[in-house]
Protein backbone atom coordinates (compact mmCIF):
# COMPACT_ATOMS: atom_id res chain seq x y z
CA MET A 1 -14.47 6.98 -97.36
CA PRO A 2 -15.60 6.36 -93.85
CA LYS A 3 -15.00 8.35 -90.84
CA GLU A 4 -13.98 6.96 -87.22
CA ILE A 5 -14.92 8.75 -84.07
CA THR A 6 -12.93 7.07 -81.16
CA TYR A 7 -14.12 7.78 -77.47
CA VAL A 8 -11.46 8.58 -75.34
CA ASN A 9 -11.48 8.24 -71.43
CA LEU A 10 -9.51 10.82 -69.92
CA PHE A 11 -8.03 10.87 -66.32
CA SER A 12 -7.78 7.18 -65.91
CA ASP A 13 -5.39 4.49 -67.56
CA ARG A 14 -8.49 2.21 -67.10
CA PRO A 15 -11.82 1.91 -69.60
CA PHE A 16 -15.03 3.31 -68.86
CA LYS A 17 -13.69 5.43 -66.04
CA GLY A 18 -12.41 9.21 -66.09
CA ASP A 19 -14.31 11.71 -68.45
CA ARG A 20 -15.52 10.71 -72.03
CA VAL A 21 -14.56 12.48 -75.18
CA ALA A 22 -15.95 11.51 -78.94
CA VAL A 23 -12.63 12.50 -81.66
CA CYS A 24 -13.44 12.98 -84.66
CA PRO A 25 -10.32 13.39 -86.82
CA LEU A 26 -11.51 14.82 -90.33
CA GLU A 27 -9.62 15.66 -93.83
CA LYS A 28 -11.39 19.01 -94.16
CA SER A 29 -13.08 21.80 -92.44
CA PRO A 30 -16.83 21.14 -91.96
CA LEU A 31 -19.67 23.26 -91.34
CA THR A 32 -20.73 24.03 -87.73
CA PRO A 33 -24.22 22.68 -88.63
CA TRP A 34 -22.84 19.18 -89.35
CA MET A 35 -20.76 18.86 -86.40
CA GLN A 36 -23.45 19.68 -84.04
CA THR A 37 -25.70 17.02 -85.74
CA VAL A 38 -23.19 14.86 -85.48
CA ALA A 39 -22.52 15.90 -81.52
CA THR A 40 -25.87 15.76 -80.67
CA GLU A 41 -26.49 12.29 -82.36
CA LEU A 42 -23.87 10.94 -80.54
CA ASN A 43 -24.74 12.24 -77.25
CA SER A 44 -21.42 12.69 -75.74
CA PRO A 45 -20.84 15.16 -72.93
CA ILE A 46 -18.02 16.28 -75.65
CA THR A 47 -17.69 15.43 -79.08
CA ALA A 48 -14.32 16.91 -80.71
CA PHE A 49 -13.48 17.64 -84.58
CA CYS A 50 -10.02 18.28 -85.23
CA TYR A 51 -8.59 18.91 -88.77
CA GLN A 52 -5.62 20.41 -90.36
CA PRO A 53 -6.30 22.81 -93.25
CA ALA A 54 -3.78 22.97 -96.07
CA GLY A 55 -0.86 24.51 -95.70
CA ALA A 56 -1.14 25.00 -91.84
CA THR A 57 1.05 23.62 -89.39
CA ASN A 58 -1.41 23.11 -86.13
CA ARG A 59 -4.71 21.28 -86.15
CA HIS A 60 -8.19 23.17 -85.61
CA LEU A 61 -10.47 21.80 -83.00
CA ARG A 62 -14.19 22.19 -82.60
CA CYS A 63 -16.15 20.95 -79.58
CA PHE A 64 -19.61 20.33 -78.96
CA THR A 65 -21.72 19.65 -76.12
CA PRO A 66 -24.96 17.82 -77.61
CA LEU A 67 -26.41 21.24 -77.27
CA THR A 68 -23.76 24.01 -78.27
CA LEU A 69 -20.34 25.04 -79.51
CA MET A 70 -17.46 25.35 -76.99
CA PRO A 71 -15.52 28.34 -77.24
CA SER A 72 -12.38 26.59 -75.96
CA CYS A 73 -12.21 22.87 -74.55
CA THR A 74 -9.38 21.71 -72.51
CA HIS A 75 -10.71 18.26 -72.44
CA GLY A 76 -11.28 18.09 -76.18
CA ALA A 77 -7.47 18.98 -77.01
CA LEU A 78 -6.25 16.20 -74.21
CA ALA A 79 -8.48 13.67 -75.77
CA ALA A 80 -7.67 14.55 -79.21
CA ALA A 81 -3.60 15.11 -78.66
CA HIS A 82 -3.69 11.08 -77.26
CA LEU A 83 -5.50 9.79 -80.22
CA LEU A 84 -3.44 11.58 -82.73
CA ALA A 85 0.21 12.39 -81.23
CA ASP A 86 3.11 10.05 -81.18
CA ALA A 87 4.82 8.28 -78.05
CA ARG A 88 6.53 11.94 -77.93
CA GLN A 89 5.08 14.85 -79.68
CA LYS A 90 3.93 17.93 -78.89
CA SER A 91 0.40 19.17 -80.38
CA VAL A 92 -1.15 22.61 -80.47
CA PHE A 93 -4.73 23.09 -81.58
CA HIS A 94 -6.43 26.25 -82.48
CA THR A 95 -10.17 27.00 -81.07
CA GLU A 96 -12.47 29.14 -81.65
CA ASN A 97 -10.82 31.86 -79.17
CA GLU A 98 -7.17 30.30 -77.86
CA GLU A 99 -4.72 28.14 -78.74
CA LEU A 100 -4.18 24.83 -76.57
CA GLU A 101 -0.98 23.05 -76.17
CA VAL A 102 -0.70 19.55 -75.15
CA GLN A 103 2.38 17.27 -75.01
CA VAL A 104 2.54 13.61 -74.84
CA GLU A 105 4.89 11.80 -73.19
CA ASN A 106 5.62 8.02 -72.57
CA GLY A 107 1.73 7.64 -72.39
CA TRP A 108 1.38 11.07 -70.39
CA LEU A 109 -0.87 14.10 -71.62
CA GLU A 110 0.33 17.43 -70.15
CA MET A 111 -1.26 20.42 -69.89
CA GLU A 112 -0.19 23.86 -68.95
CA LEU A 113 -3.27 26.51 -67.82
CA PRO A 114 -2.77 29.95 -66.00
CA ALA A 115 -3.25 29.56 -61.97
CA ARG A 116 -6.77 31.39 -60.66
CA LYS A 117 -6.02 32.19 -57.04
CA THR A 118 -9.00 32.51 -54.89
CA GLU A 119 -9.95 35.27 -52.67
CA PRO A 120 -11.69 34.53 -49.12
CA ALA A 121 -15.49 35.23 -49.66
CA PRO A 122 -18.89 35.41 -47.82
CA ALA A 123 -21.09 32.49 -48.39
CA PRO A 124 -24.38 33.34 -49.72
CA PRO A 125 -27.27 31.72 -47.81
CA ALA A 126 -27.89 29.91 -51.23
CA LEU A 127 -24.73 28.13 -51.19
CA HIS A 128 -24.97 26.99 -47.99
CA VAL A 129 -28.77 25.40 -47.87
CA GLY A 130 -28.25 24.11 -51.56
CA LEU A 131 -24.89 22.25 -50.67
CA GLY A 132 -26.59 21.16 -47.20
CA VAL A 133 -23.29 21.45 -45.40
CA VAL A 134 -21.29 24.24 -43.51
CA PRO A 135 -18.08 24.86 -45.29
CA ILE A 136 -14.81 25.43 -43.63
CA PHE A 137 -13.22 27.96 -46.33
CA VAL A 138 -15.17 29.89 -49.11
CA GLY A 139 -13.09 31.46 -51.89
CA LYS A 140 -14.24 33.14 -55.05
CA ASN A 141 -12.64 33.86 -58.58
CA ASN A 142 -14.84 35.82 -60.61
CA ARG A 143 -18.13 33.34 -61.28
CA ASP A 144 -16.40 30.34 -59.70
CA TYR A 145 -16.76 29.37 -56.37
CA LEU A 146 -13.93 27.26 -54.34
CA VAL A 147 -15.44 25.58 -51.48
CA ALA A 148 -13.59 23.28 -48.72
CA LEU A 149 -14.95 20.57 -46.37
CA SER A 150 -14.34 19.21 -43.34
CA SER A 151 -13.65 15.70 -44.73
CA GLU A 152 -13.22 13.38 -47.69
CA ALA A 153 -16.55 11.41 -46.60
CA VAL A 154 -18.62 14.81 -46.33
CA LEU A 155 -17.66 15.76 -49.75
CA ARG A 156 -18.29 11.97 -51.28
CA ALA A 157 -21.92 11.74 -49.35
CA LEU A 158 -22.99 15.38 -50.51
CA GLN A 159 -25.94 15.89 -52.29
CA PRO A 160 -26.69 19.14 -53.27
CA ASP A 161 -29.97 20.69 -54.06
CA PHE A 162 -29.49 22.49 -57.55
CA ASN A 163 -32.69 24.29 -57.78
CA LEU A 164 -31.48 26.27 -54.62
CA LEU A 165 -27.55 26.78 -56.44
CA ARG A 166 -29.22 27.97 -59.61
CA ASP A 167 -30.02 31.08 -57.29
CA LEU A 168 -26.56 31.79 -57.14
CA ASP A 169 -24.61 33.75 -59.61
CA ALA A 170 -22.08 30.98 -59.86
CA GLU A 171 -20.53 29.12 -63.58
CA ARG A 172 -18.53 26.32 -61.62
CA ILE A 173 -18.73 25.21 -57.67
CA VAL A 174 -15.75 23.32 -57.01
CA LEU A 175 -15.94 21.42 -53.62
CA THR A 176 -12.52 19.88 -52.12
CA ALA A 177 -11.41 18.44 -48.93
CA ARG A 178 -8.26 17.12 -47.75
CA ALA A 179 -7.69 13.28 -49.08
CA GLU A 180 -8.07 10.14 -46.94
CA THR A 181 -7.66 8.16 -49.67
CA ASN A 182 -3.84 6.72 -49.44
CA GLY A 183 -1.50 8.38 -52.38
CA TYR A 184 -3.69 11.82 -53.10
CA ASP A 185 -3.16 15.08 -51.55
CA TYR A 186 -6.75 16.51 -51.91
CA VAL A 187 -9.81 15.24 -53.33
CA CYS A 188 -12.63 17.31 -55.37
CA ARG A 189 -16.07 17.43 -56.99
CA ALA A 190 -17.41 20.26 -59.50
CA PHE A 191 -20.64 21.57 -60.35
CA ALA A 192 -22.12 23.71 -62.67
CA PRO A 193 -25.90 24.52 -61.52
CA HIS A 194 -26.52 26.10 -64.51
CA CYS A 195 -25.47 23.60 -67.47
CA SER A 196 -27.85 20.33 -68.61
CA GLU A 197 -25.21 18.36 -66.79
CA THR A 198 -25.01 19.58 -63.21
CA GLU A 199 -22.24 17.61 -61.68
CA GLU A 200 -18.87 17.88 -64.01
CA CYS A 201 -17.47 14.21 -64.40
CA ILE A 202 -13.99 15.68 -64.03
CA SER A 203 -12.65 19.24 -64.80
CA ALA A 204 -9.37 20.10 -65.73
CA ASP A 205 -9.98 23.79 -65.07
CA ALA A 206 -11.03 23.17 -61.66
CA HIS A 207 -7.54 22.94 -60.74
CA ALA A 208 -6.61 25.91 -61.64
CA LEU A 209 -8.31 26.94 -58.64
CA LEU A 210 -7.41 23.79 -56.59
CA ALA A 211 -3.43 23.92 -57.30
CA PRO A 212 -2.75 27.38 -55.51
CA PHE A 213 -5.02 26.42 -52.70
CA TRP A 214 -3.39 23.29 -51.91
CA ALA A 215 -0.46 24.23 -52.69
CA GLN A 216 -0.33 26.76 -49.96
CA ARG A 217 -1.84 24.34 -47.58
CA ARG A 218 0.38 21.35 -48.37
CA ASN A 219 3.61 23.05 -48.35
CA THR A 220 4.44 21.59 -51.69
CA LYS A 221 4.38 22.25 -55.55
CA SER A 222 3.44 19.02 -56.54
CA LEU A 223 0.15 17.43 -55.73
CA ALA A 224 -2.06 14.51 -56.54
CA ALA A 225 -5.79 14.67 -56.91
CA LEU A 226 -8.64 12.44 -57.26
CA HIS A 227 -11.57 13.78 -58.57
CA ALA A 228 -14.76 11.78 -56.17
CA SER A 229 -17.42 11.47 -59.11
CA LYS A 230 -19.12 8.57 -60.21
CA ARG A 231 -16.36 7.55 -62.70
CA GLU A 232 -13.77 9.22 -60.81
CA GLY A 233 -10.31 10.00 -61.97
CA THR A 234 -7.02 11.18 -61.31
CA VAL A 235 -4.52 13.91 -62.03
CA ARG A 236 -0.90 15.11 -61.07
CA VAL A 237 -0.61 18.78 -60.84
CA GLN A 238 2.39 21.10 -60.75
CA MET A 239 2.53 24.91 -59.87
CA LEU A 240 4.93 26.69 -61.85
CA ARG A 241 4.71 30.22 -60.54
CA ASP A 242 1.57 31.85 -62.29
CA ARG A 243 0.65 28.65 -64.05
CA ILE A 244 -0.11 25.03 -63.51
CA ARG A 245 0.84 21.98 -65.16
CA LEU A 246 -1.62 19.20 -65.07
CA SER A 247 0.06 15.48 -66.14
CA LEU A 248 -2.74 12.44 -66.72
CA ARG A 249 -3.36 9.03 -68.37
CA ALA A 250 -5.96 8.40 -71.14
CA VAL A 251 -7.27 5.05 -72.66
CA ILE A 252 -9.06 4.26 -75.85
CA THR A 253 -12.53 2.57 -75.03
CA MET A 254 -14.45 2.04 -78.32
CA GLN A 255 -14.88 3.44 -81.94
CA VAL A 256 -17.81 4.05 -84.02
CA ARG A 257 -17.93 4.60 -87.80
CA LEU A 258 -19.65 7.50 -89.60
CA CYS A 259 -21.32 5.45 -92.87
CA ASP A 260 -21.98 7.16 -96.68
CA GLN A 261 -25.39 8.43 -95.52
CA GLY A 262 -23.98 10.72 -92.56
CA LEU A 263 -20.92 11.55 -94.74
CA GLU A 264 -23.40 13.26 -97.41
CA GLU A 265 -23.48 16.57 -95.99
CA LEU A 266 -19.75 16.90 -95.35
CA GLU A 267 -18.96 15.84 -98.62
CA GLY A 268 -21.02 18.48 -100.39
CA GLU A 269 -18.81 21.16 -97.77
CA GLN A 270 -16.07 23.51 -98.96
């Protein structure tokens, strides 16, 4: 039986905006090499495979970049929930190392994440020079930096030197500024200097840092954010004590089909 792969754009209700995730629902558990081969062939930033083992209540989810398996992936869970859920339904996915829950209600996807507060930190020289701007605030949480800039215009115009930023012991560098675009509280961009795609199109996890930062400065628990990457994206964020709730829209843009030869390895697995 042919298997369809559906492309879902997250953080937008417009096609070809936001973040692109390929979702492949399956009837049984495939082996990792087959999933990686398909993900490499698709060359999508994220390819999510979901399946429900016999007798299981919830679905299993495995997400891949073109190069590797991801231990967990909020974007894969959000995209799979948008594709598979009814108009109002909770979807629970088991990933490699955690359980992810997505609520779908009236076309909105909602997910809760632990809030992560940043502590003020000195900016390493490589950060200043690599970004090419002087921040107004630098904070850190483990290996993630949060960097506040003076304006939205400065943030949008930023062209970092990733050769320099790779000298940092940083998993992610989240840039943010107070929004000048109407309807939003803050804007952001997210960089991953040590990854093949150095600028993340949209980063859900970045809001775990951004929401506590901006909730305090804007004196509100409800925030609207604009990702200023090339594809742009929007998200609503609600502070819930030590957690945040993300609310976003998504749209299906296209489908491709795995033909018989592409399924030969899958059909031979247990």
